[in-house]
N, C-alpha and C. Protein backbone atom coordinates (compact mmCIF):
# COMPACT_ATOMS: atom_id res chain seq x y z
N MET A 1 130.16 95.30 46.11
CA MET A 1 130.15 95.55 47.53
C MET A 1 128.76 94.95 48.59
N ARG A 2 129.10 94.33 49.17
CA ARG A 2 128.23 93.93 50.07
C ARG A 2 127.51 94.45 51.16
N GLU A 3 126.25 94.76 51.41
CA GLU A 3 125.76 96.02 52.42
C GLU A 3 125.84 94.31 53.65
N SER A 4 125.84 95.57 54.89
CA SER A 4 125.92 94.50 55.98
C SER A 4 124.29 94.80 56.36
N VAL A 5 124.17 93.52 56.91
CA VAL A 5 122.19 93.39 57.02
C VAL A 5 122.25 93.05 58.67
N ILE A 6 121.55 93.42 59.84
CA ILE A 6 121.54 92.95 60.98
C ILE A 6 120.56 92.53 61.38
N PRO A 7 120.28 91.05 61.01
CA PRO A 7 119.36 90.12 61.10
C PRO A 7 118.06 90.63 61.49
N PHE A 8 116.61 90.59 61.36
CA PHE A 8 115.83 90.66 61.48
C PHE A 8 114.80 89.25 62.26
N ASN A 9 114.16 89.24 63.35
CA ASN A 9 113.30 87.67 63.93
C ASN A 9 114.07 87.00 63.35
N ILE A 10 114.86 86.36 63.75
CA ILE A 10 115.60 85.22 63.36
C ILE A 10 115.20 84.33 64.66
N PRO A 11 114.70 83.22 64.34
CA PRO A 11 114.30 82.83 65.74
C PRO A 11 115.84 82.01 66.66
N THR A 12 115.63 82.23 67.90
CA THR A 12 117.05 81.89 68.48
C THR A 12 116.89 80.03 68.72
N HIS A 13 117.42 79.35 69.11
CA HIS A 13 117.22 78.06 69.15
C HIS A 13 118.12 78.04 70.02
N LEU A 14 117.43 77.84 71.80
CA LEU A 14 117.91 77.42 72.51
C LEU A 14 116.99 75.83 73.58
N SER A 15 118.57 75.65 74.36
CA SER A 15 117.61 74.20 74.76
C SER A 15 116.37 74.44 75.67
N ARG A 16 115.89 73.83 75.87
CA ARG A 16 115.04 73.57 76.98
C ARG A 16 115.72 74.04 78.64
N ARG A 17 116.65 73.48 79.00
CA ARG A 17 117.67 73.79 80.27
C ARG A 17 117.69 75.07 80.01
N THR A 18 118.17 75.85 78.87
CA THR A 18 119.31 76.96 78.92
C THR A 18 117.60 78.17 79.10
N THR A 19 116.63 77.72 78.22
CA THR A 19 115.39 78.94 78.46
C THR A 19 115.27 78.64 80.12
N SER A 20 114.98 77.30 80.50
CA SER A 20 115.03 77.77 82.16
C SER A 20 115.35 77.95 83.04
N GLU A 21 116.70 77.85 83.03
CA GLU A 21 117.82 78.72 83.52
C GLU A 21 117.63 80.98 83.61
N VAL A 22 117.06 80.97 82.32
CA VAL A 22 117.14 82.10 81.59
C VAL A 22 115.76 82.75 82.95
N LEU A 23 114.74 82.25 82.38
CA LEU A 23 113.58 82.33 82.81
C LEU A 23 113.10 82.33 84.97
N ASN A 24 114.01 81.45 85.30
CA ASN A 24 113.93 81.33 85.97
C ASN A 24 114.88 82.07 86.95
N GLN A 25 115.95 82.99 86.67
CA GLN A 25 116.69 83.56 87.31
C GLN A 25 115.54 85.27 86.60
N TYR A 26 115.37 85.42 85.85
CA TYR A 26 114.13 86.64 85.84
C TYR A 26 113.38 86.82 86.33
N LEU A 27 112.32 85.13 87.02
CA LEU A 27 111.46 85.34 87.80
C LEU A 27 112.18 85.65 89.34
N HIS A 28 113.13 84.49 89.57
CA HIS A 28 113.70 84.21 90.84
C HIS A 28 114.81 85.76 91.48
N GLY A 29 115.78 85.24 90.21
CA GLY A 29 116.99 86.42 90.65
C GLY A 29 118.27 86.41 91.55
N GLN A 30 117.39 85.25 92.52
CA GLN A 30 118.79 84.78 93.37
C GLN A 30 120.20 84.75 93.73
N VAL A 31 120.64 84.27 92.43
CA VAL A 31 122.24 84.50 91.83
C VAL A 31 122.20 86.32 91.90
N GLU A 32 121.95 86.98 90.88
CA GLU A 32 122.08 88.14 90.85
C GLU A 32 121.95 88.86 92.50
N GLU A 33 120.41 88.55 93.00
CA GLU A 33 120.60 89.34 94.49
C GLU A 33 121.17 89.17 95.22
N ASP A 34 122.04 88.14 95.30
CA ASP A 34 123.14 87.77 95.94
C ASP A 34 124.70 88.40 95.64
N GLN A 35 124.96 88.26 94.62
CA GLN A 35 125.95 88.67 94.08
C GLN A 35 125.75 90.36 94.42
N CYS A 36 124.78 90.96 94.39
CA CYS A 36 124.88 92.43 94.31
C CYS A 36 125.11 92.75 96.00
N ASP A 37 124.33 92.11 96.59
CA ASP A 37 124.27 92.03 97.99
C ASP A 37 125.48 91.86 98.95
N HIS A 38 126.30 90.87 98.43
CA HIS A 38 127.93 90.79 98.85
C HIS A 38 128.92 91.96 97.99
N LEU A 39 128.51 92.82 96.99
CA LEU A 39 129.12 93.61 96.35
C LEU A 39 128.88 95.38 97.62
N VAL A 40 127.67 95.24 97.89
CA VAL A 40 126.97 96.45 98.60
C VAL A 40 127.80 96.24 99.93
N LYS A 41 128.05 95.48 100.65
CA LYS A 41 128.33 95.19 101.89
C LYS A 41 129.75 95.26 101.52
N LYS A 42 130.20 94.90 100.94
CA LYS A 42 131.95 94.71 100.63
C LYS A 42 132.39 96.40 100.62
N LEU A 43 131.50 96.95 99.77
CA LEU A 43 131.27 98.85 99.64
C LEU A 43 131.39 99.36 100.55
N PHE A 44 129.94 98.77 101.41
CA PHE A 44 129.50 100.03 102.25
C PHE A 44 129.24 98.94 103.71
N GLY A 45 129.81 98.02 103.88
CA GLY A 45 129.05 97.91 105.22
C GLY A 45 128.13 97.13 105.25
N SER A 46 127.17 97.10 106.40
CA SER A 46 126.01 96.52 106.46
C SER A 46 125.41 97.74 106.29
N HIS A 47 125.26 98.88 106.46
CA HIS A 47 124.42 99.78 106.23
C HIS A 47 123.84 100.40 105.15
N ALA A 48 123.93 99.61 104.24
CA ALA A 48 123.02 99.83 102.73
C ALA A 48 121.93 99.15 102.86
N PHE A 49 120.85 99.15 101.83
CA PHE A 49 119.44 99.02 101.86
C PHE A 49 119.56 99.04 99.95
N LEU A 50 119.04 98.19 99.59
CA LEU A 50 119.15 97.77 97.90
C LEU A 50 117.49 97.66 97.75
N THR A 51 117.04 98.57 96.40
CA THR A 51 115.88 98.47 96.07
C THR A 51 116.10 98.37 94.48
N LYS A 52 115.12 97.88 94.07
CA LYS A 52 114.59 97.80 92.35
C LYS A 52 115.09 98.85 91.68
N SER A 53 114.45 99.99 92.16
CA SER A 53 114.14 101.51 91.45
C SER A 53 114.12 102.31 92.24
N CYS A 54 114.91 103.44 91.49
CA CYS A 54 114.69 105.03 92.50
C CYS A 54 113.78 105.31 93.05
N THR A 55 112.79 104.30 92.08
CA THR A 55 111.43 105.32 92.66
C THR A 55 111.23 104.63 94.45
N HIS A 56 111.16 103.11 93.98
CA HIS A 56 111.13 101.90 94.96
C HIS A 56 111.97 103.11 96.61
N SER A 57 113.03 103.60 96.72
CA SER A 57 114.05 104.13 97.09
C SER A 57 113.47 105.01 97.82
N LEU A 58 113.18 106.14 96.97
CA LEU A 58 112.61 107.39 97.10
C LEU A 58 110.90 107.68 98.09
N GLU A 59 110.27 106.45 97.82
CA GLU A 59 109.23 106.42 98.38
C GLU A 59 109.45 105.67 99.50
N VAL A 60 110.33 104.91 100.18
CA VAL A 60 111.24 104.21 101.03
C VAL A 60 111.51 105.42 102.40
N ILE A 61 112.16 106.12 101.66
CA ILE A 61 113.13 107.17 102.64
C ILE A 61 112.12 108.20 102.80
N ALA A 62 110.77 108.26 102.40
CA ALA A 62 110.00 109.66 102.21
C ALA A 62 109.24 109.22 103.44
N LYS A 63 109.37 107.24 103.70
CA LYS A 63 108.61 107.08 104.70
C LYS A 63 109.09 107.18 105.68
N LEU A 64 110.61 106.88 105.70
CA LEU A 64 111.56 107.01 107.00
C LEU A 64 111.33 108.23 107.49
N ILE A 65 111.55 109.36 106.86
CA ILE A 65 111.33 110.61 107.20
C ILE A 65 109.92 110.69 107.90
N GLY A 66 109.36 110.70 107.35
CA GLY A 66 108.22 110.64 108.21
C GLY A 66 107.96 111.92 108.13
N PHE A 67 106.83 112.54 107.44
CA PHE A 67 105.65 113.45 107.75
C PHE A 67 104.43 113.90 108.17
N ASN A 68 104.20 115.08 108.65
CA ASN A 68 103.02 115.18 109.54
C ASN A 68 101.93 115.97 109.13
N GLY A 69 101.65 116.29 107.37
CA GLY A 69 100.93 116.90 106.54
C GLY A 69 101.28 118.40 106.15
N ALA A 70 101.88 118.85 107.38
CA ALA A 70 102.33 120.36 107.40
C ALA A 70 103.69 120.82 107.28
N GLU A 71 104.90 119.65 107.25
CA GLU A 71 106.13 120.02 107.57
C GLU A 71 106.26 119.87 105.43
N GLU A 72 107.38 120.47 104.80
CA GLU A 72 107.88 120.91 103.72
C GLU A 72 108.92 120.11 103.23
N VAL A 73 108.45 119.85 102.34
CA VAL A 73 109.97 119.07 101.37
C VAL A 73 110.02 120.10 100.28
N ILE A 74 111.66 120.15 99.63
CA ILE A 74 111.23 121.27 98.87
C ILE A 74 112.54 120.71 97.83
N MET A 75 111.68 120.47 96.55
CA MET A 75 112.29 119.49 95.11
C MET A 75 112.35 119.92 93.80
N PRO A 76 112.72 119.85 93.05
CA PRO A 76 113.27 120.39 92.15
C PRO A 76 112.26 120.40 91.15
N ALA A 77 111.27 121.13 90.61
CA ALA A 77 110.26 121.62 89.45
C ALA A 77 110.30 120.41 88.72
N TYR A 78 111.62 120.42 87.88
CA TYR A 78 111.69 120.14 86.88
C TYR A 78 112.45 118.81 87.24
N ALA A 79 111.35 117.61 87.29
CA ALA A 79 111.72 116.01 87.57
C ALA A 79 110.79 115.45 87.22
N PHE A 80 111.11 114.42 87.33
CA PHE A 80 110.20 112.85 86.85
C PHE A 80 109.11 112.84 87.92
N PRO A 81 108.18 112.67 87.59
CA PRO A 81 106.68 112.96 88.31
C PRO A 81 106.82 111.94 89.88
N SER A 82 107.75 110.22 89.32
CA SER A 82 107.64 109.99 90.96
C SER A 82 107.96 110.60 91.41
N LEU A 83 109.24 111.61 91.56
CA LEU A 83 110.03 112.09 92.55
C LEU A 83 108.94 113.22 93.76
N ALA A 84 107.69 113.58 92.86
CA ALA A 84 106.64 114.43 93.57
C ALA A 84 105.43 112.91 94.56
N THR A 85 105.66 112.01 94.14
CA THR A 85 104.47 111.40 94.49
C THR A 85 105.34 110.38 95.53
N ALA A 86 106.55 109.85 95.55
CA ALA A 86 107.38 109.25 96.87
C ALA A 86 106.49 110.49 98.10
N PHE A 87 106.93 111.74 98.25
CA PHE A 87 106.99 112.66 99.27
C PHE A 87 105.16 112.75 99.46
N ILE A 88 104.56 112.74 98.42
CA ILE A 88 103.09 113.38 98.81
C ILE A 88 101.95 112.08 99.57
N THR A 89 102.53 110.75 99.10
CA THR A 89 102.08 109.60 99.81
C THR A 89 102.68 109.56 101.00
N ALA A 90 103.91 110.59 101.28
CA ALA A 90 104.26 109.92 103.00
C ALA A 90 103.63 111.60 103.65
N GLY A 91 102.92 111.95 103.35
CA GLY A 91 102.19 113.17 104.01
C GLY A 91 103.05 114.53 103.62
N ALA A 92 103.94 114.95 103.25
CA ALA A 92 104.89 115.70 102.83
C ALA A 92 103.83 116.97 102.01
N LYS A 93 104.11 118.54 102.45
CA LYS A 93 103.94 119.48 101.52
C LYS A 93 104.73 119.86 100.53
N LEU A 94 104.54 119.81 99.12
CA LEU A 94 105.69 119.83 97.84
C LEU A 94 105.84 121.52 98.39
N VAL A 95 106.88 121.99 97.79
CA VAL A 95 107.82 123.19 97.55
C VAL A 95 108.56 123.31 96.84
N PHE A 96 107.88 123.78 94.92
CA PHE A 96 108.94 123.11 93.77
C PHE A 96 109.84 124.49 93.97
N ALA A 97 111.36 124.46 93.42
CA ALA A 97 112.58 124.91 93.40
C ALA A 97 112.48 125.10 91.98
N ASP A 98 112.94 126.56 91.10
CA ASP A 98 113.35 126.82 90.01
C ASP A 98 114.52 126.00 89.47
N SER A 99 114.83 125.72 88.15
CA SER A 99 115.82 125.82 87.53
C SER A 99 117.01 126.70 87.67
N GLY A 100 117.77 126.62 87.38
CA GLY A 100 118.78 127.47 87.35
C GLY A 100 118.81 128.19 85.96
N LEU A 101 119.21 129.15 85.88
CA LEU A 101 119.34 130.16 84.43
C LEU A 101 119.90 129.20 83.31
N ASN A 102 120.88 128.58 83.71
CA ASN A 102 121.92 128.16 82.20
C ASN A 102 122.10 126.90 82.87
N HIS A 103 121.23 125.69 83.18
CA HIS A 103 121.18 124.41 83.48
C HIS A 103 119.74 123.90 84.27
N PRO A 104 119.75 122.62 84.44
CA PRO A 104 118.36 122.15 84.64
C PRO A 104 118.50 121.50 86.14
N ASN A 105 119.35 121.81 87.37
CA ASN A 105 119.46 121.82 87.97
C ASN A 105 118.90 122.61 89.05
N VAL A 106 118.11 122.26 90.43
CA VAL A 106 118.15 123.71 91.26
C VAL A 106 119.11 124.68 91.25
N ASP A 107 118.23 125.72 91.81
CA ASP A 107 118.91 127.29 92.00
C ASP A 107 119.19 127.22 93.76
N VAL A 108 120.75 127.04 93.84
CA VAL A 108 120.70 127.27 95.46
C VAL A 108 120.30 128.24 95.94
N HIS A 109 120.34 129.38 95.59
CA HIS A 109 119.34 130.51 95.98
C HIS A 109 117.75 130.75 96.40
N GLU A 110 117.64 129.80 94.95
CA GLU A 110 116.22 129.44 95.11
C GLU A 110 115.44 128.92 96.49
N ILE A 111 116.56 127.40 96.65
CA ILE A 111 116.24 127.45 97.61
C ILE A 111 116.23 127.63 99.07
N GLU A 112 117.37 128.46 99.37
CA GLU A 112 117.24 129.23 100.31
C GLU A 112 116.18 130.15 100.57
N ARG A 113 116.13 130.85 99.59
CA ARG A 113 114.72 131.57 99.35
C ARG A 113 113.44 130.56 99.79
N LEU A 114 113.64 129.45 99.22
CA LEU A 114 111.80 129.49 99.92
C LEU A 114 111.92 128.05 101.24
N ILE A 115 113.27 127.73 101.85
CA ILE A 115 113.08 127.30 103.43
C ILE A 115 112.90 128.67 104.40
N THR A 116 111.58 127.66 104.97
CA THR A 116 110.79 128.10 105.90
C THR A 116 110.78 127.54 107.28
N PRO A 117 110.52 127.75 108.69
CA PRO A 117 110.45 126.68 109.94
C PRO A 117 109.63 125.53 109.27
N LYS A 118 108.90 125.53 108.47
CA LYS A 118 108.08 123.75 108.16
C LYS A 118 109.05 123.02 107.38
N THR A 119 110.10 123.85 106.23
CA THR A 119 110.94 122.75 105.64
C THR A 119 111.38 121.98 106.89
N LYS A 120 111.10 120.35 106.33
CA LYS A 120 111.84 119.51 107.27
C LYS A 120 113.12 118.31 106.10
N ALA A 121 112.53 118.80 104.89
CA ALA A 121 113.39 117.36 103.85
C ALA A 121 114.06 118.83 102.40
N LEU A 122 114.79 118.38 102.04
CA LEU A 122 115.57 119.00 99.98
C LEU A 122 115.58 117.78 100.16
N VAL A 123 115.10 117.77 98.65
CA VAL A 123 115.68 116.60 97.81
C VAL A 123 116.48 117.32 96.45
N VAL A 124 117.53 117.35 95.85
CA VAL A 124 118.07 117.84 95.33
C VAL A 124 118.19 116.18 93.53
N LEU A 125 118.42 117.34 93.03
CA LEU A 125 118.75 115.63 91.21
C LEU A 125 119.48 115.81 90.61
N HIS A 126 120.47 114.95 90.47
CA HIS A 126 121.46 115.53 89.47
C HIS A 126 120.87 115.13 88.27
N TYR A 127 120.66 116.44 87.40
CA TYR A 127 119.67 115.72 86.13
C TYR A 127 120.69 115.72 85.09
N GLY A 128 120.47 114.45 84.60
CA GLY A 128 121.08 114.48 83.25
C GLY A 128 122.32 114.02 83.42
N GLY A 129 122.75 113.54 84.53
CA GLY A 129 124.81 113.57 85.29
C GLY A 129 125.07 114.59 85.37
N CYS A 130 123.96 115.62 86.07
CA CYS A 130 125.20 117.22 85.86
C CYS A 130 124.77 117.48 87.41
N ALA A 131 125.71 117.57 87.95
CA ALA A 131 125.82 117.88 89.69
C ALA A 131 125.44 118.80 89.68
N CYS A 132 124.12 118.97 90.87
CA CYS A 132 124.26 120.28 91.98
C CYS A 132 125.36 120.76 92.55
N ASP A 133 125.57 121.85 92.96
CA ASP A 133 126.78 122.75 93.79
C ASP A 133 126.61 122.06 95.13
N MET A 134 126.76 120.69 95.57
CA MET A 134 126.30 120.03 96.37
C MET A 134 127.27 120.57 97.62
N GLU A 135 128.30 121.40 97.71
CA GLU A 135 128.94 122.30 98.96
C GLU A 135 128.50 122.68 99.56
N LYS A 136 127.58 124.20 98.66
CA LYS A 136 126.94 125.26 98.93
C LYS A 136 125.27 124.46 99.56
N ILE A 137 124.75 123.26 98.86
CA ILE A 137 123.45 122.75 99.00
C ILE A 137 123.54 122.13 100.92
N GLN A 138 124.65 121.23 101.13
CA GLN A 138 125.15 120.49 101.88
C GLN A 138 125.28 121.81 103.26
N GLY A 139 125.72 122.70 102.32
CA GLY A 139 125.59 123.97 103.83
C GLY A 139 124.16 123.95 104.26
N LEU A 140 123.64 124.84 103.18
CA LEU A 140 121.89 125.20 103.87
C LEU A 140 121.72 123.77 104.80
N THR A 141 121.39 123.39 104.30
CA THR A 141 120.93 121.95 104.80
C THR A 141 121.55 121.60 106.40
N ARG A 142 122.91 121.80 106.38
CA ARG A 142 123.44 121.96 107.52
C ARG A 142 122.94 123.62 108.73
N LYS A 143 123.24 124.37 107.96
CA LYS A 143 122.91 125.56 108.49
C LYS A 143 120.99 125.54 108.79
N HIS A 144 120.47 125.38 107.96
CA HIS A 144 119.17 124.76 108.92
C HIS A 144 118.47 124.00 109.32
N ASN A 145 119.56 122.80 109.58
CA ASN A 145 118.76 121.53 110.29
C ASN A 145 117.86 120.61 109.30
N ILE A 146 117.93 120.78 107.85
CA ILE A 146 117.15 120.42 107.18
C ILE A 146 118.20 118.90 106.40
N ILE A 147 116.94 117.71 106.63
CA ILE A 147 117.50 116.65 106.01
C ILE A 147 117.48 116.75 104.22
N LEU A 148 118.41 115.96 103.94
CA LEU A 148 118.54 116.06 102.24
C LEU A 148 118.87 115.20 101.88
N VAL A 149 118.15 114.71 101.01
CA VAL A 149 117.92 113.40 99.86
C VAL A 149 118.69 114.24 98.36
N GLU A 150 119.54 113.07 97.97
CA GLU A 150 120.23 113.13 96.69
C GLU A 150 119.88 112.15 95.77
N ASP A 151 119.09 112.48 94.78
CA ASP A 151 118.95 111.14 93.86
C ASP A 151 119.92 111.68 92.23
N ALA A 152 120.23 110.57 92.50
CA ALA A 152 121.35 110.57 91.45
C ALA A 152 121.17 109.70 90.34
N ALA A 153 119.90 109.13 90.14
CA ALA A 153 119.86 107.72 89.69
C ALA A 153 119.58 107.89 88.14
């Protein structure tokens, strides 16, 4: 019986033209960018803004919300650091909400307990593809007139 072996470190023989095309797409990416723009406009209309990463999206939204240094944003304590830094650099005061007992997402009761008159925004993270209880969370943000940011990356 012959073993199946995955070849390792075998040089690829590509033409100069192919290599040039691949590098050009990587460096400039215009075809991919045009296709993405077309798809987004088809699905969402003209009210969508593409970024290269979730971190960049969070930085943009934090600046668009605008914080005065005293205003608070509630966010999960269990999250990637760029979630917090996006809002710190925008001037927000961070308030961390604990996870639920049986899952890594923020606990809705904990969020409600942390809301103060200084709370301007709430960021929820659907950790590991597990969705938060958005009906309850949206109810809280409407009730307290708080901006809701959803991180579903």
